[in-house]
N, C-alpha and C. Protein backbone atom coordinates (compact mmCIF):
# COMPACT_ATOMS: atom_id res chain seq x y z
N MET A 1 71.81 95.04 89.08
CA MET A 1 71.86 96.06 90.27
C MET A 1 72.76 97.11 89.60
N SER A 2 72.23 98.31 89.85
CA SER A 2 73.05 99.68 89.65
C SER A 2 74.09 99.90 90.11
N VAL A 3 74.81 100.74 89.42
CA VAL A 3 76.14 101.31 90.07
C VAL A 3 75.56 101.68 91.04
N ALA A 4 74.89 102.79 91.18
CA ALA A 4 74.71 103.44 92.72
C ALA A 4 74.56 102.44 93.80
N GLY A 5 73.63 101.39 93.03
CA GLY A 5 72.96 100.45 94.43
C GLY A 5 74.40 99.76 95.13
N PHE A 6 74.65 99.59 93.83
CA PHE A 6 76.13 98.46 94.18
C PHE A 6 77.15 99.71 95.12
N LEU A 7 77.19 100.70 94.95
CA LEU A 7 78.54 101.58 95.70
C LEU A 7 77.91 101.47 97.29
N ALA A 8 76.57 101.63 97.16
CA ALA A 8 75.78 101.91 98.27
C ALA A 8 75.87 100.56 99.24
N HIS A 9 75.54 99.51 98.20
CA HIS A 9 75.88 98.22 99.08
C HIS A 9 77.05 98.01 100.03
N SER A 10 78.13 98.30 99.04
CA SER A 10 79.47 97.85 99.23
C SER A 10 80.17 98.73 100.21
N GLY A 11 79.68 100.35 100.69
CA GLY A 11 80.16 100.89 101.34
C GLY A 11 79.60 100.39 102.50
N LEU A 12 78.33 100.12 102.43
CA LEU A 12 77.56 99.63 103.90
C LEU A 12 78.18 98.65 104.01
N ALA A 13 78.49 97.34 103.78
CA ALA A 13 79.15 96.22 103.97
C ALA A 13 80.21 96.59 104.63
N ALA A 14 81.15 97.78 103.86
CA ALA A 14 82.76 97.89 104.56
C ALA A 14 82.41 98.60 105.83
N ALA A 15 81.39 99.56 105.93
CA ALA A 15 81.05 100.19 107.28
C ALA A 15 81.10 99.03 108.22
N ARG A 16 80.35 98.20 108.08
CA ARG A 16 80.09 97.20 109.32
C ARG A 16 81.13 96.19 109.54
N ASP A 17 81.88 95.58 108.30
CA ASP A 17 83.12 95.05 108.70
C ASP A 17 84.28 95.81 109.46
N GLN A 18 84.64 95.81 110.91
CA GLN A 18 85.34 96.32 111.51
C GLN A 18 86.63 95.59 111.49
N GLN A 19 87.09 94.77 110.63
CA GLN A 19 88.34 93.57 110.63
C GLN A 19 89.04 93.97 109.73
N ARG A 20 88.46 94.93 108.82
CA ARG A 20 89.01 95.40 107.58
C ARG A 20 90.09 96.39 107.72
N THR A 21 90.96 96.12 107.25
CA THR A 21 92.33 97.31 106.95
C THR A 21 92.18 98.70 106.15
N ALA A 22 92.23 99.93 106.57
CA ALA A 22 92.35 101.10 105.72
C ALA A 22 93.33 100.61 104.35
N ALA A 23 94.26 99.94 104.18
CA ALA A 23 94.84 99.48 103.04
C ALA A 23 93.87 98.46 102.43
N ALA A 24 93.58 97.25 103.23
CA ALA A 24 92.45 96.47 102.18
C ALA A 24 91.35 97.43 101.52
N ILE A 25 90.72 98.08 102.02
CA ILE A 25 89.51 98.99 101.70
C ILE A 25 90.36 99.59 100.44
N ALA A 26 91.48 100.37 100.71
CA ALA A 26 92.43 101.15 99.44
C ALA A 26 92.63 100.34 98.35
N THR A 27 92.64 99.11 98.71
CA THR A 27 93.03 98.07 97.30
C THR A 27 91.55 97.82 96.52
N GLU A 28 90.68 97.58 97.28
CA GLU A 28 89.24 97.10 96.22
C GLU A 28 89.02 98.51 95.77
N GLN A 29 88.90 99.57 96.70
CA GLN A 29 88.69 100.74 96.11
C GLN A 29 89.29 101.34 94.28
N ASP A 30 90.90 100.94 94.43
CA ASP A 30 91.51 100.72 93.24
C ASP A 30 90.87 99.91 92.28
N VAL A 31 90.42 98.85 92.86
CA VAL A 31 90.11 97.67 91.58
C VAL A 31 88.65 97.79 91.62
N LEU A 32 88.30 98.80 92.21
CA LEU A 32 86.87 98.63 91.48
C LEU A 32 86.75 100.63 90.57
N THR A 33 87.52 101.12 90.89
CA THR A 33 88.09 102.35 89.94
C THR A 33 88.31 101.51 88.80
N ALA A 34 89.30 100.92 88.66
CA ALA A 34 90.11 100.29 87.62
C ALA A 34 88.61 99.65 86.59
N LEU A 35 87.72 99.16 87.41
CA LEU A 35 86.62 98.12 86.50
C LEU A 35 85.79 99.09 86.06
N PHE A 36 85.51 100.08 86.64
CA PHE A 36 84.35 101.11 86.04
C PHE A 36 85.33 101.88 84.65
N ALA A 37 86.33 102.03 84.70
CA ALA A 37 87.10 102.43 83.53
C ALA A 37 87.37 101.73 82.40
N LEU A 38 87.54 100.56 83.17
CA LEU A 38 87.72 99.18 81.66
C LEU A 38 85.84 99.06 81.66
N ARG A 39 85.27 99.02 82.07
CA ARG A 39 83.64 98.83 81.84
C ARG A 39 83.15 100.23 80.46
N ARG A 40 83.84 101.37 80.80
CA ARG A 40 83.71 102.73 80.12
C ARG A 40 84.96 102.30 78.60
N GLN A 41 85.84 101.85 78.81
CA GLN A 41 86.47 101.73 77.43
C GLN A 41 85.60 100.39 76.83
N LEU A 42 85.00 99.42 77.45
CA LEU A 42 84.25 98.41 76.22
C LEU A 42 83.25 98.84 75.89
N GLY A 43 82.29 99.98 76.65
CA GLY A 43 81.29 100.60 76.27
C GLY A 43 81.83 101.19 74.69
N HIS A 44 82.49 102.24 74.78
CA HIS A 44 83.15 102.93 74.04
C HIS A 44 83.40 101.83 72.32
N ALA A 45 84.57 100.87 72.86
CA ALA A 45 84.64 100.14 72.17
C ALA A 45 83.33 99.10 71.63
N ASN A 46 82.93 98.59 72.27
CA ASN A 46 81.32 98.25 71.66
C ASN A 46 80.60 99.09 70.84
N ASN A 47 80.33 100.33 71.12
CA ASN A 47 79.77 101.29 69.74
C ASN A 47 80.94 101.17 68.90
N ASN A 48 82.17 101.12 68.67
CA ASN A 48 82.97 101.51 67.54
C ASN A 48 82.89 99.92 66.62
N LEU A 49 82.69 98.63 67.56
CA LEU A 49 82.73 97.97 66.44
C LEU A 49 81.42 97.51 66.07
N ASN A 50 80.57 97.90 67.11
CA ASN A 50 79.38 98.42 66.06
C ASN A 50 79.08 99.00 64.45
N GLN A 51 79.50 100.39 64.84
CA GLN A 51 79.60 101.08 63.81
C GLN A 51 80.26 100.35 62.26
N ALA A 52 81.46 99.57 62.90
CA ALA A 52 82.41 99.26 61.92
C ALA A 52 81.81 97.82 61.37
N THR A 53 80.90 97.09 62.03
CA THR A 53 80.20 96.18 61.65
C THR A 53 79.42 96.86 60.11
N ARG A 54 78.51 97.77 61.01
CA ARG A 54 77.63 98.50 60.11
C ARG A 54 78.30 98.80 58.55
N ALA A 55 78.95 99.38 58.86
CA ALA A 55 80.17 99.48 57.40
C ALA A 55 80.93 98.53 56.73
N LEU A 56 80.81 97.25 57.02
CA LEU A 56 81.24 96.34 56.50
C LEU A 56 79.99 95.80 56.15
N HIS A 57 78.96 95.76 56.47
CA HIS A 57 77.83 94.71 55.48
C HIS A 57 77.24 96.12 54.65
N LEU A 58 78.02 97.28 54.85
CA LEU A 58 77.19 98.05 53.49
C LEU A 58 78.86 98.20 52.36
N GLY A 59 80.08 97.19 53.00
CA GLY A 59 80.41 96.94 51.85
C GLY A 59 81.60 98.36 51.76
N LEU A 60 81.62 98.89 53.11
CA LEU A 60 82.63 99.84 53.39
C LEU A 60 83.88 99.87 54.21
N ALA A 61 84.68 100.09 54.01
CA ALA A 61 86.21 99.98 54.50
C ALA A 61 85.66 101.03 56.10
N PRO A 62 85.96 100.42 57.28
CA PRO A 62 85.77 101.35 58.30
C PRO A 62 86.67 101.82 58.89
N GLU A 63 86.75 103.27 59.00
CA GLU A 63 88.27 103.95 59.57
C GLU A 63 88.57 103.30 60.83
N ASP A 64 89.62 103.19 61.18
CA ASP A 64 89.88 102.84 62.56
C ASP A 64 89.82 101.71 63.00
N LEU A 65 89.39 100.59 62.10
CA LEU A 65 89.26 99.07 62.79
C LEU A 65 90.23 98.83 63.52
N ASP A 66 91.23 98.94 63.11
CA ASP A 66 92.73 98.59 63.14
C ASP A 66 92.64 98.99 65.13
N ALA A 67 92.60 100.15 64.77
CA ALA A 67 92.47 101.17 66.14
C ALA A 67 91.72 100.42 67.30
N THR A 68 90.18 99.97 66.86
CA THR A 68 89.29 99.89 67.65
C THR A 68 89.49 98.12 68.40
N ILE A 69 89.84 97.24 67.32
CA ILE A 69 90.27 95.92 67.37
C ILE A 69 91.48 96.30 68.73
N ALA A 70 92.94 96.97 68.47
CA ALA A 70 93.52 97.47 69.42
C ALA A 70 92.92 97.73 71.20
N ALA A 71 92.05 99.08 70.82
CA ALA A 71 91.21 98.58 72.23
C ALA A 71 90.74 98.07 72.90
N VAL A 72 89.97 97.16 72.01
CA VAL A 72 89.39 96.12 72.89
C VAL A 72 90.56 94.85 73.49
N HIS A 73 91.38 94.63 72.75
CA HIS A 73 92.33 94.06 73.18
C HIS A 73 92.84 94.24 74.52
N ARG A 74 93.34 96.14 74.43
CA ARG A 74 93.62 96.47 75.66
C ARG A 74 93.09 96.48 77.03
N ALA A 75 91.75 96.51 76.53
CA ALA A 75 90.74 96.39 77.56
C ALA A 75 90.46 95.35 78.38
N ALA A 76 90.65 94.01 77.13
CA ALA A 76 90.47 92.75 77.77
C ALA A 76 91.62 92.57 78.47
N ASP A 77 92.98 92.94 78.41
CA ASP A 77 93.75 92.69 79.15
C ASP A 77 94.11 92.96 80.33
N GLY A 78 93.00 94.54 80.28
CA GLY A 78 93.20 95.00 81.74
C GLY A 78 92.19 94.70 82.38
N VAL A 79 91.12 93.84 81.98
CA VAL A 79 89.85 92.97 82.69
C VAL A 79 91.27 91.70 83.43
N ARG A 80 91.66 91.10 82.37
CA ARG A 80 92.87 90.03 82.74
C ARG A 80 93.39 90.43 84.23
N GLN A 81 94.00 91.32 84.06
CA GLN A 81 94.99 92.22 84.97
C GLN A 81 94.64 92.49 86.43
N VAL A 82 93.08 93.01 86.40
CA VAL A 82 92.45 93.20 87.25
C VAL A 82 91.78 92.37 87.82
N THR A 83 91.53 91.08 87.24
CA THR A 83 91.30 89.69 87.84
C THR A 83 92.21 89.21 88.39
N ALA A 84 93.13 89.12 88.16
CA ALA A 84 94.04 88.44 88.81
C ALA A 84 94.65 89.38 90.11
N ARG A 85 94.11 90.33 90.08
CA ARG A 85 94.86 91.28 91.07
C ARG A 85 93.62 91.12 92.27
N MET A 86 92.49 90.51 91.80
CA MET A 86 91.28 90.32 92.67
C MET A 86 91.60 88.84 93.50
N THR A 87 92.00 88.08 92.38
CA THR A 87 92.16 86.68 93.05
C THR A 87 93.60 86.42 93.52
N ASN A 88 94.54 87.16 93.01
CA ASN A 88 96.03 87.00 94.29
C ASN A 88 96.16 88.26 94.13
N PRO A 89 95.42 88.92 95.93
CA PRO A 89 95.95 90.03 96.00
C PRO A 89 97.41 90.32 96.57
N ASP A 90 97.88 89.31 96.55
CA ASP A 90 99.66 89.66 97.13
C ASP A 90 100.20 90.35 96.25
């Protein structure tokens, strides 16, 4: 499902559910915003890791490899936090 399709589907589902509070909807929007930001970060990190791998295969020392690995760890921690927030919303 595309991002636009997901957002449309989610918006329609939310509109149909009259039992949900504005706070619950706002929390879900915050979670979705965080997930999309993490998705972007992981995409950038993936690109950097591919470039680093290519450099390593050529026998070169890639620049900023440690920073890229740290960014991957931060994004993974962010995914863990968002997942915990989704499974334990209290």
